[in-house]
Amino acid sequence: MTITAPAPSPTSAVAPHVQLRLLGGFELRIDGAVVDLQPAVKRLTALVALTPCGLSRDFAAFQLWPDKSEARARANLRSTLWRLHQLAGDILHASATHLRLDDSVSLDTRDVLAGADAEDGVPRPFETLMADLLPDWYDEWIDVERERFRQLRLARLEQRAHAALADRDAATAIQLALAALAIDATRESAHRIVVRAHQAEGNEWEAERERSRYLRSQQEVVA
């Protein structure tokens, strides 16, 4: 007698692994494969992803299509949501009034800023905080998000630098603080970390040189 195994229940299917990258450029991967999206679909996905608590459908429509009538913008949103669903499934939750990113989606900006400093047991290099948010995008709405992320990653770099100092790892603290200064050369708090780290190593000459570098940067700003 032949026994046929029962078909797997639809609820037992393994959910796809979805990764969304916004740092250094847009990329969506599902189970490791890159999903090719149209520009409007990318922009909608990024806008929703950068709003952790979600946003209203009308706000998304008017942000993405500011030069269209309200009716046209809403219609564009509906068609864009349909295209996204066809290509990537339900990575966005869309109610009658609101949109939000599905919690299962791995989002690089969220992971980095939440302090997820290890992936598969391997520590993340601090360079992950150096990448700009969607650097090749010029939409007006992304400017605010880009500046917000810049401030958050500066704070995160300094937080990690302070932790390194507390662990008596002055060399790592210096590298993290210098990474912050590569983003904002006039940031006083990062200069102070570099000075403290050099002093912790007993390098008073290096500490004084860093003080002088900070003073020069301030003079250049005033000039």
Protein backbone atom coordinates (compact mmCIF):
# COMPACT_ATOMS: atom_id res chain seq x y z
CA MET A 1 0.00 0.00 0.00
CA THR A 2 1.35 3.38 -0.96
CA ILE A 3 1.10 6.12 1.65
CA THR A 4 0.95 9.63 0.31
CA ALA A 5 2.30 12.34 2.58
CA PRO A 6 -0.21 15.10 3.29
CA ALA A 7 0.33 18.38 1.48
CA PRO A 8 1.92 21.04 3.70
CA SER A 9 -0.48 23.47 5.25
CA PRO A 10 -0.30 26.98 3.77
CA THR A 11 0.28 28.31 7.30
CA SER A 12 3.41 26.13 7.64
CA ALA A 13 5.17 27.70 4.66
CA VAL A 14 8.43 29.41 5.55
CA ALA A 15 8.18 33.18 5.27
CA PRO A 16 10.66 34.74 2.83
CA HIS A 17 13.67 36.56 4.23
CA VAL A 18 13.34 40.19 3.16
CA GLN A 19 16.23 42.66 3.42
CA LEU A 20 15.88 46.36 2.64
CA ARG A 21 19.01 48.47 2.29
CA LEU A 22 18.84 52.27 2.23
CA LEU A 23 22.42 53.11 3.25
CA GLY A 24 24.63 53.76 0.27
CA GLY A 25 21.71 53.21 -2.11
CA PHE A 26 18.39 51.36 -2.40
CA GLU A 27 18.35 47.59 -2.61
CA LEU A 28 15.59 45.10 -1.85
CA ARG A 29 16.41 41.40 -1.54
CA ILE A 30 14.00 38.52 -0.99
CA ASP A 31 15.68 35.24 -0.02
CA GLY A 32 18.95 36.69 -1.29
CA ALA A 33 17.70 37.66 -4.74
CA VAL A 34 17.62 41.34 -5.72
CA VAL A 35 14.13 42.57 -6.62
CA ASP A 36 14.05 45.10 -9.46
CA LEU A 37 11.55 47.84 -8.62
CA GLN A 38 10.37 50.85 -10.58
CA PRO A 39 11.48 54.27 -9.24
CA ALA A 40 8.05 55.16 -7.84
CA VAL A 41 7.84 51.81 -6.05
CA LYS A 42 11.30 52.32 -4.56
CA ARG A 43 10.38 55.77 -3.29
CA LEU A 44 7.19 54.60 -1.68
CA THR A 45 8.98 51.71 0.00
CA ALA A 46 11.74 53.97 1.32
CA LEU A 47 9.34 56.64 2.56
CA VAL A 48 7.32 54.11 4.55
CA ALA A 49 10.44 52.33 5.83
CA LEU A 50 11.87 55.58 7.18
CA THR A 51 8.73 56.21 9.24
CA PRO A 52 8.90 53.55 11.98
CA CYS A 53 5.35 54.06 13.26
CA GLY A 54 3.87 54.20 9.78
CA LEU A 55 2.21 57.10 8.00
CA SER A 56 -1.12 57.99 6.48
CA ARG A 57 -1.86 57.08 2.88
CA ASP A 58 -2.68 60.69 2.06
CA PHE A 59 0.62 61.94 3.47
CA ALA A 60 2.53 59.39 1.40
CA ALA A 61 0.59 60.27 -1.75
CA PHE A 62 1.11 64.02 -1.39
CA GLN A 63 4.79 63.64 -0.51
CA LEU A 64 5.54 61.45 -3.50
CA TRP A 65 3.35 63.25 -6.05
CA PRO A 66 3.25 66.87 -4.84
CA ASP A 67 2.61 68.26 -8.32
CA LYS A 68 -0.51 66.13 -8.89
CA SER A 69 -4.09 66.73 -7.84
CA GLU A 70 -5.25 64.98 -4.68
CA ALA A 71 -7.29 62.48 -6.70
CA ARG A 72 -4.38 61.75 -9.06
CA ALA A 73 -1.90 61.38 -6.19
CA ARG A 74 -4.18 58.89 -4.42
CA ALA A 75 -4.63 56.93 -7.66
CA ASN A 76 -0.86 56.85 -8.19
CA LEU A 77 -0.44 55.53 -4.66
CA ARG A 78 -2.95 52.73 -5.24
CA SER A 79 -1.27 51.62 -8.48
CA THR A 80 2.19 51.81 -6.89
CA LEU A 81 1.08 49.69 -3.94
CA TRP A 82 -0.34 47.14 -6.39
CA ARG A 83 2.94 46.96 -8.32
CA LEU A 84 4.91 46.55 -5.09
CA HIS A 85 2.65 43.73 -3.96
CA GLN A 86 3.06 41.96 -7.32
CA LEU A 87 6.85 42.12 -7.11
CA ALA A 88 7.58 41.82 -3.40
CA GLY A 89 4.49 40.53 -1.64
CA ASP A 90 3.22 42.04 1.59
CA ILE A 91 6.33 43.88 2.76
CA LEU A 92 4.09 46.90 3.40
CA HIS A 93 0.93 46.74 5.47
CA ALA A 94 -1.71 48.89 3.80
CA SER A 95 -4.93 49.65 5.64
CA ALA A 96 -7.67 51.94 4.38
CA THR A 97 -5.87 54.89 5.96
CA HIS A 98 -2.28 53.99 6.85
CA LEU A 99 0.90 52.30 5.60
CA ARG A 100 3.75 50.69 7.52
CA LEU A 101 6.69 48.39 6.90
CA ASP A 102 6.19 44.77 7.94
CA ASP A 103 8.08 43.95 11.14
CA SER A 104 9.75 40.94 9.52
CA VAL A 105 11.66 43.09 7.02
CA SER A 106 15.34 43.52 7.91
CA LEU A 107 16.06 47.24 7.54
CA ASP A 108 19.68 48.41 7.65
CA THR A 109 19.01 51.89 9.08
CA ARG A 110 16.95 50.42 11.92
CA ASP A 111 19.50 47.71 12.68
CA VAL A 112 22.47 50.09 12.77
CA LEU A 113 20.84 52.79 14.87
CA ALA A 114 19.22 50.31 17.25
CA GLY A 115 22.70 49.17 18.19
CA ALA A 116 22.62 45.83 16.41
CA ASP A 117 26.40 45.66 16.39
CA ALA A 118 26.73 41.98 15.62
CA GLU A 119 25.45 39.90 12.77
CA ASP A 120 25.88 36.11 12.83
CA GLY A 121 28.30 36.57 15.71
CA VAL A 122 30.58 38.89 13.72
CA PRO A 123 30.86 42.47 15.03
CA ARG A 124 29.71 45.13 12.57
CA PRO A 125 32.55 47.43 11.46
CA PHE A 126 32.00 51.06 12.40
CA GLU A 127 32.15 51.88 8.67
CA THR A 128 28.52 50.76 8.47
CA LEU A 129 27.69 54.11 10.06
CA MET A 130 29.61 56.03 7.41
CA ALA A 131 27.29 55.35 4.48
CA ASP A 132 24.90 58.13 3.48
CA LEU A 133 21.18 57.59 3.32
CA LEU A 134 20.08 57.15 -0.33
CA PRO A 135 22.87 59.44 -1.57
CA ASP A 136 21.73 59.49 -5.20
CA TRP A 137 18.17 60.63 -4.42
CA TYR A 138 17.20 64.29 -4.69
CA ASP A 139 13.58 64.32 -3.53
CA GLU A 140 12.77 67.11 -1.10
CA TRP A 141 11.38 64.75 1.53
CA ILE A 142 14.60 62.74 1.67
CA ASP A 143 16.64 65.81 2.71
CA VAL A 144 14.97 65.88 6.13
CA GLU A 145 15.40 62.14 6.59
CA ARG A 146 19.03 62.30 5.49
CA GLU A 147 19.83 65.02 8.06
CA ARG A 148 17.95 63.15 10.78
CA PHE A 149 19.94 60.01 10.06
CA ARG A 150 23.19 62.00 9.96
CA GLN A 151 22.58 63.28 13.48
CA LEU A 152 21.59 59.84 14.73
CA ARG A 153 24.65 58.11 13.30
CA LEU A 154 26.95 60.79 14.73
CA ALA A 155 25.43 60.16 18.15
CA ARG A 156 25.81 56.40 17.65
CA LEU A 157 29.48 56.69 16.67
CA GLU A 158 30.18 58.79 19.74
CA GLN A 159 28.23 56.41 21.96
CA ARG A 160 30.40 53.54 20.77
CA ALA A 161 33.52 55.65 21.21
CA HIS A 162 32.61 56.39 24.84
CA ALA A 163 31.99 52.67 25.40
CA ALA A 164 35.43 51.90 23.94
CA LEU A 165 37.02 54.42 26.31
CA ALA A 166 35.21 52.81 29.23
CA ASP A 167 36.71 49.47 28.12
CA ARG A 168 40.16 51.12 27.96
CA ASP A 169 40.28 50.62 24.21
CA ALA A 170 41.58 54.06 23.28
CA ALA A 171 42.59 53.05 19.75
CA THR A 172 39.03 52.04 18.84
CA ALA A 173 37.65 55.17 20.50
CA ILE A 174 39.92 57.31 18.33
CA GLN A 175 38.84 55.54 15.14
CA LEU A 176 35.15 55.93 15.99
CA ALA A 177 35.52 59.60 16.88
CA LEU A 178 37.52 60.27 13.71
CA ALA A 179 34.74 58.57 11.73
CA ALA A 180 32.30 61.05 13.28
CA LEU A 181 34.64 63.90 12.35
CA ALA A 182 34.75 62.65 8.76
CA ILE A 183 31.01 63.29 8.71
CA ASP A 184 31.18 66.61 10.59
CA ALA A 185 34.65 68.11 10.98
CA THR A 186 33.44 70.80 13.40
CA ARG A 187 31.76 68.47 15.91
CA GLU A 188 33.21 69.51 19.27
CA SER A 189 32.12 66.41 21.20
CA ALA A 190 33.98 64.12 18.77
CA HIS A 191 37.14 66.22 19.07
CA ARG A 192 36.92 65.92 22.86
CA ILE A 193 36.75 62.13 22.59
CA VAL A 194 39.90 62.07 20.44
CA VAL A 195 41.70 64.27 22.98
CA ARG A 196 40.62 62.06 25.89
CA ALA A 197 41.64 58.90 24.05
CA HIS A 198 45.13 60.27 23.29
CA GLN A 199 45.49 61.30 26.93
CA ALA A 200 44.43 57.83 28.04
CA GLU A 201 47.29 56.45 25.95
CA GLY A 202 49.69 58.98 27.44
CA ASN A 203 50.10 60.84 24.14
CA GLU A 204 49.86 64.44 25.33
CA TRP A 205 51.45 65.76 22.14
CA GLU A 206 48.77 64.04 20.04
CA ALA A 207 46.08 65.39 22.36
CA GLU A 208 47.41 68.93 21.94
CA ARG A 209 47.58 68.52 18.19
CA GLU A 210 43.91 67.48 18.19
CA ARG A 211 42.99 70.58 20.22
CA SER A 212 44.79 72.74 17.66
CA ARG A 213 43.01 70.96 14.81
CA TYR A 214 39.66 71.70 16.42
CA LEU A 215 40.51 75.38 16.89
CA ARG A 216 41.53 75.65 13.24
CA SER A 217 38.25 74.05 12.13
CA GLN A 218 36.31 76.59 14.19
CA GLN A 219 38.28 79.50 12.71
CA GLU A 220 37.55 78.23 9.20
CA VAL A 221 33.83 78.12 9.99
CA VAL A 222 33.89 81.71 11.29
CA ALA A 223 35.90 82.87 8.28
